[in-house]
Amino acid sequence: MAVVTLMPEAAEQLEVLNNPIHGRVLKWLVRLTKWPGVSGATPLSGQLAGRYRLRTGDYRLQFHVESENVIVEKIGHRDKFYDE
């Protein structure tokens, strides 16, 4: 079972989400404890190689994996989600 950690930026982004989206993201975080048996996680490419994303509707969650730890880096709407 993996340990899920939110980076400070992701924790702040989680707190400002409206209730329905906030609930969906909390479900993602629970699902991530079952890594690598998480369906729907897509590996990213280019500058984001080594990271993954989960999506539901217009919202995304970006994370990477370090041994048994899943580190959530970013949570937000798809608009400008991948902009640096």
N, C-alpha and C. Protein backbone atom coordinates (compact mmCIF):
# COMPACT_ATOMS: atom_id res chain seq x y z
N MET A 1 0.84 -1.17 0.00
CA MET A 1 0.00 0.00 0.00
C MET A 1 0.89 1.24 0.00
N ALA A 2 0.60 2.16 -0.89
CA ALA A 2 1.41 3.37 -1.03
C ALA A 2 0.98 4.45 -0.04
N VAL A 3 1.92 5.32 0.28
CA VAL A 3 1.65 6.49 1.12
C VAL A 3 1.48 7.68 0.19
N VAL A 4 0.37 8.37 0.30
CA VAL A 4 0.09 9.52 -0.56
C VAL A 4 0.43 10.80 0.20
N THR A 5 1.26 11.65 -0.44
CA THR A 5 1.69 12.91 0.16
C THR A 5 1.31 14.04 -0.77
N LEU A 6 0.74 15.09 -0.21
CA LEU A 6 0.41 16.29 -0.99
C LEU A 6 1.51 17.31 -0.82
N MET A 7 2.03 17.82 -1.93
CA MET A 7 2.97 18.94 -1.87
C MET A 7 2.18 20.16 -1.39
N PRO A 8 2.84 21.15 -0.79
CA PRO A 8 2.12 22.33 -0.28
C PRO A 8 1.24 23.00 -1.34
N GLU A 9 1.74 23.12 -2.58
CA GLU A 9 0.95 23.74 -3.65
C GLU A 9 -0.33 22.95 -3.91
N ALA A 10 -0.21 21.62 -3.94
CA ALA A 10 -1.38 20.77 -4.19
C ALA A 10 -2.37 20.85 -3.04
N ALA A 11 -1.88 20.94 -1.81
CA ALA A 11 -2.78 21.06 -0.65
C ALA A 11 -3.58 22.36 -0.72
N GLU A 12 -2.92 23.44 -1.12
CA GLU A 12 -3.62 24.72 -1.28
C GLU A 12 -4.66 24.64 -2.39
N GLN A 13 -4.30 24.01 -3.50
CA GLN A 13 -5.22 23.88 -4.63
C GLN A 13 -6.43 23.03 -4.24
N LEU A 14 -6.22 22.02 -3.44
CA LEU A 14 -7.32 21.16 -2.99
C LEU A 14 -8.31 21.95 -2.14
N GLU A 15 -7.81 22.79 -1.28
CA GLU A 15 -8.67 23.54 -0.37
C GLU A 15 -9.61 24.51 -1.07
N VAL A 16 -9.24 25.03 -2.24
CA VAL A 16 -10.08 26.03 -2.91
C VAL A 16 -11.08 25.42 -3.90
N LEU A 17 -11.06 24.11 -4.07
CA LEU A 17 -12.00 23.46 -4.99
C LEU A 17 -13.41 23.49 -4.42
N ASN A 18 -14.39 23.59 -5.32
CA ASN A 18 -15.78 23.55 -4.84
C ASN A 18 -16.11 22.13 -4.36
N ASN A 19 -17.19 22.00 -3.61
CA ASN A 19 -17.51 20.73 -2.93
C ASN A 19 -17.58 19.51 -3.83
N PRO A 20 -18.29 19.53 -4.96
CA PRO A 20 -18.34 18.29 -5.76
C PRO A 20 -16.96 17.86 -6.27
N ILE A 21 -16.16 18.81 -6.72
CA ILE A 21 -14.83 18.48 -7.24
C ILE A 21 -13.92 18.06 -6.09
N HIS A 22 -14.02 18.73 -4.98
CA HIS A 22 -13.22 18.39 -3.79
C HIS A 22 -13.47 16.93 -3.40
N GLY A 23 -14.71 16.50 -3.42
CA GLY A 23 -15.04 15.12 -3.11
C GLY A 23 -14.44 14.13 -4.08
N ARG A 24 -14.46 14.48 -5.37
CA ARG A 24 -13.86 13.59 -6.37
C ARG A 24 -12.36 13.46 -6.16
N VAL A 25 -11.70 14.57 -5.86
CA VAL A 25 -10.26 14.54 -5.65
C VAL A 25 -9.92 13.70 -4.41
N LEU A 26 -10.71 13.81 -3.36
CA LEU A 26 -10.47 12.97 -2.18
C LEU A 26 -10.57 11.49 -2.54
N LYS A 27 -11.50 11.13 -3.42
CA LYS A 27 -11.60 9.74 -3.88
C LYS A 27 -10.35 9.32 -4.65
N TRP A 28 -9.81 10.24 -5.47
CA TRP A 28 -8.55 9.95 -6.18
C TRP A 28 -7.44 9.65 -5.19
N LEU A 29 -7.35 10.47 -4.14
CA LEU A 29 -6.28 10.29 -3.17
C LEU A 29 -6.39 8.93 -2.48
N VAL A 30 -7.59 8.49 -2.20
CA VAL A 30 -7.78 7.16 -1.62
C VAL A 30 -7.37 6.09 -2.63
N ARG A 31 -7.76 6.27 -3.89
CA ARG A 31 -7.38 5.30 -4.94
C ARG A 31 -5.87 5.19 -5.08
N LEU A 32 -5.17 6.32 -4.94
CA LEU A 32 -3.71 6.31 -5.11
C LEU A 32 -2.99 5.48 -4.05
N THR A 33 -3.62 5.20 -2.92
CA THR A 33 -2.98 4.35 -1.92
C THR A 33 -2.81 2.93 -2.44
N LYS A 34 -3.53 2.58 -3.50
CA LYS A 34 -3.44 1.24 -4.08
C LYS A 34 -2.44 1.17 -5.24
N TRP A 35 -1.59 2.20 -5.38
CA TRP A 35 -0.60 2.23 -6.46
C TRP A 35 0.25 0.99 -6.38
N PRO A 36 0.55 0.29 -7.47
CA PRO A 36 0.37 0.62 -8.88
C PRO A 36 -0.93 0.10 -9.48
N GLY A 37 -1.84 -0.39 -8.69
CA GLY A 37 -3.09 -0.93 -9.22
C GLY A 37 -4.16 0.12 -9.44
N VAL A 38 -3.77 1.30 -9.90
CA VAL A 38 -4.72 2.40 -10.10
C VAL A 38 -5.04 2.50 -11.59
N SER A 39 -6.30 2.31 -11.93
CA SER A 39 -6.68 2.44 -13.33
C SER A 39 -6.89 3.91 -13.67
N GLY A 40 -6.62 4.26 -14.90
CA GLY A 40 -6.86 5.62 -15.36
C GLY A 40 -5.67 6.55 -15.22
N ALA A 41 -4.59 6.11 -14.59
CA ALA A 41 -3.39 6.95 -14.46
C ALA A 41 -2.63 6.92 -15.78
N THR A 42 -2.39 8.09 -16.35
CA THR A 42 -1.71 8.19 -17.64
C THR A 42 -0.32 8.77 -17.45
N PRO A 43 0.73 8.10 -17.98
CA PRO A 43 2.07 8.68 -17.88
C PRO A 43 2.18 9.91 -18.78
N LEU A 44 2.86 10.93 -18.30
CA LEU A 44 3.06 12.14 -19.08
C LEU A 44 4.38 12.05 -19.84
N SER A 45 4.55 12.90 -20.83
CA SER A 45 5.76 12.86 -21.65
C SER A 45 6.39 14.25 -21.71
N GLY A 46 7.49 14.34 -22.44
CA GLY A 46 8.19 15.61 -22.60
C GLY A 46 8.82 16.05 -21.29
N GLN A 47 8.67 17.32 -20.96
CA GLN A 47 9.26 17.85 -19.72
C GLN A 47 8.64 17.24 -18.47
N LEU A 48 7.48 16.64 -18.62
CA LEU A 48 6.79 16.03 -17.48
C LEU A 48 6.98 14.51 -17.42
N ALA A 49 7.93 14.00 -18.17
CA ALA A 49 8.20 12.56 -18.16
C ALA A 49 8.51 12.11 -16.73
N GLY A 50 8.01 10.94 -16.37
CA GLY A 50 8.19 10.42 -15.02
C GLY A 50 7.04 10.78 -14.10
N ARG A 51 6.12 11.58 -14.60
CA ARG A 51 4.94 11.96 -13.83
C ARG A 51 3.70 11.33 -14.46
N TYR A 52 2.62 11.30 -13.70
CA TYR A 52 1.36 10.74 -14.15
C TYR A 52 0.25 11.74 -13.89
N ARG A 53 -0.89 11.48 -14.53
CA ARG A 53 -2.06 12.30 -14.26
C ARG A 53 -3.30 11.43 -14.17
N LEU A 54 -4.23 11.88 -13.35
CA LEU A 54 -5.57 11.33 -13.30
C LEU A 54 -6.50 12.46 -13.69
N ARG A 55 -7.61 12.12 -14.33
CA ARG A 55 -8.54 13.18 -14.71
C ARG A 55 -9.97 12.73 -14.49
N THR A 56 -10.79 13.71 -14.22
CA THR A 56 -12.23 13.51 -14.17
C THR A 56 -12.85 14.79 -14.68
N GLY A 57 -13.61 14.68 -15.73
CA GLY A 57 -14.18 15.88 -16.34
C GLY A 57 -13.09 16.85 -16.74
N ASP A 58 -13.17 18.08 -16.26
CA ASP A 58 -12.20 19.11 -16.61
C ASP A 58 -11.09 19.26 -15.59
N TYR A 59 -11.01 18.38 -14.60
CA TYR A 59 -10.01 18.52 -13.53
C TYR A 59 -8.94 17.45 -13.63
N ARG A 60 -7.73 17.84 -13.23
CA ARG A 60 -6.57 16.97 -13.32
C ARG A 60 -5.85 16.91 -11.98
N LEU A 61 -5.13 15.80 -11.77
CA LEU A 61 -4.28 15.62 -10.62
C LEU A 61 -2.96 15.08 -11.16
N GLN A 62 -1.87 15.76 -10.88
CA GLN A 62 -0.54 15.36 -11.37
C GLN A 62 0.28 14.83 -10.20
N PHE A 63 0.97 13.69 -10.42
CA PHE A 63 1.75 13.10 -9.34
C PHE A 63 2.94 12.33 -9.90
N HIS A 64 3.88 12.01 -9.02
CA HIS A 64 4.98 11.11 -9.37
C HIS A 64 5.13 10.10 -8.24
N VAL A 65 5.88 9.04 -8.54
CA VAL A 65 6.01 7.94 -7.59
C VAL A 65 7.49 7.77 -7.24
N GLU A 66 7.76 7.69 -5.94
CA GLU A 66 9.10 7.40 -5.43
C GLU A 66 8.99 6.18 -4.54
N SER A 67 9.41 5.05 -5.02
CA SER A 67 9.32 3.76 -4.35
C SER A 67 7.89 3.51 -3.87
N GLU A 68 7.59 3.54 -2.58
CA GLU A 68 6.23 3.28 -2.09
C GLU A 68 5.45 4.56 -1.80
N ASN A 69 5.96 5.70 -2.26
CA ASN A 69 5.33 7.00 -1.99
C ASN A 69 4.77 7.60 -3.27
N VAL A 70 3.54 8.06 -3.20
CA VAL A 70 2.92 8.79 -4.31
C VAL A 70 2.88 10.25 -3.89
N ILE A 71 3.57 11.12 -4.64
CA ILE A 71 3.63 12.54 -4.30
C ILE A 71 2.78 13.32 -5.27
N VAL A 72 1.70 13.92 -4.75
CA VAL A 72 0.78 14.72 -5.56
C VAL A 72 1.35 16.13 -5.65
N GLU A 73 1.59 16.58 -6.88
CA GLU A 73 2.24 17.86 -7.10
C GLU A 73 1.27 18.99 -7.43
N LYS A 74 0.19 18.64 -8.10
CA LYS A 74 -0.67 19.69 -8.64
C LYS A 74 -2.09 19.17 -8.80
N ILE A 75 -3.08 20.02 -8.51
CA ILE A 75 -4.49 19.70 -8.68
C ILE A 75 -5.15 20.92 -9.29
N GLY A 76 -5.94 20.72 -10.36
CA GLY A 76 -6.63 21.89 -10.90
C GLY A 76 -7.40 21.63 -12.17
N HIS A 77 -7.98 22.71 -12.68
CA HIS A 77 -8.76 22.70 -13.90
C HIS A 77 -7.82 22.54 -15.10
N ARG A 78 -8.29 21.94 -16.16
CA ARG A 78 -7.44 21.66 -17.32
C ARG A 78 -6.90 22.90 -18.01
N ASP A 79 -7.60 24.04 -17.89
CA ASP A 79 -7.11 25.28 -18.47
C ASP A 79 -5.78 25.64 -17.84
N LYS A 80 -4.75 25.70 -18.63
CA LYS A 80 -3.39 26.07 -18.18
C LYS A 80 -2.82 25.10 -17.16
N PHE A 81 -3.34 23.89 -17.04
CA PHE A 81 -2.85 22.94 -16.06
C PHE A 81 -1.40 22.55 -16.34
N TYR A 82 -1.04 22.42 -17.59
CA TYR A 82 0.30 21.98 -17.94
C TYR A 82 1.26 23.12 -18.21
N ASP A 83 0.81 24.36 -18.09
CA ASP A 83 1.69 25.51 -18.26
C ASP A 83 2.64 25.58 -17.07
N GLU A 84 3.85 25.96 -17.33
CA GLU A 84 4.84 26.09 -16.25
C GLU A 84 4.78 27.45 -15.64
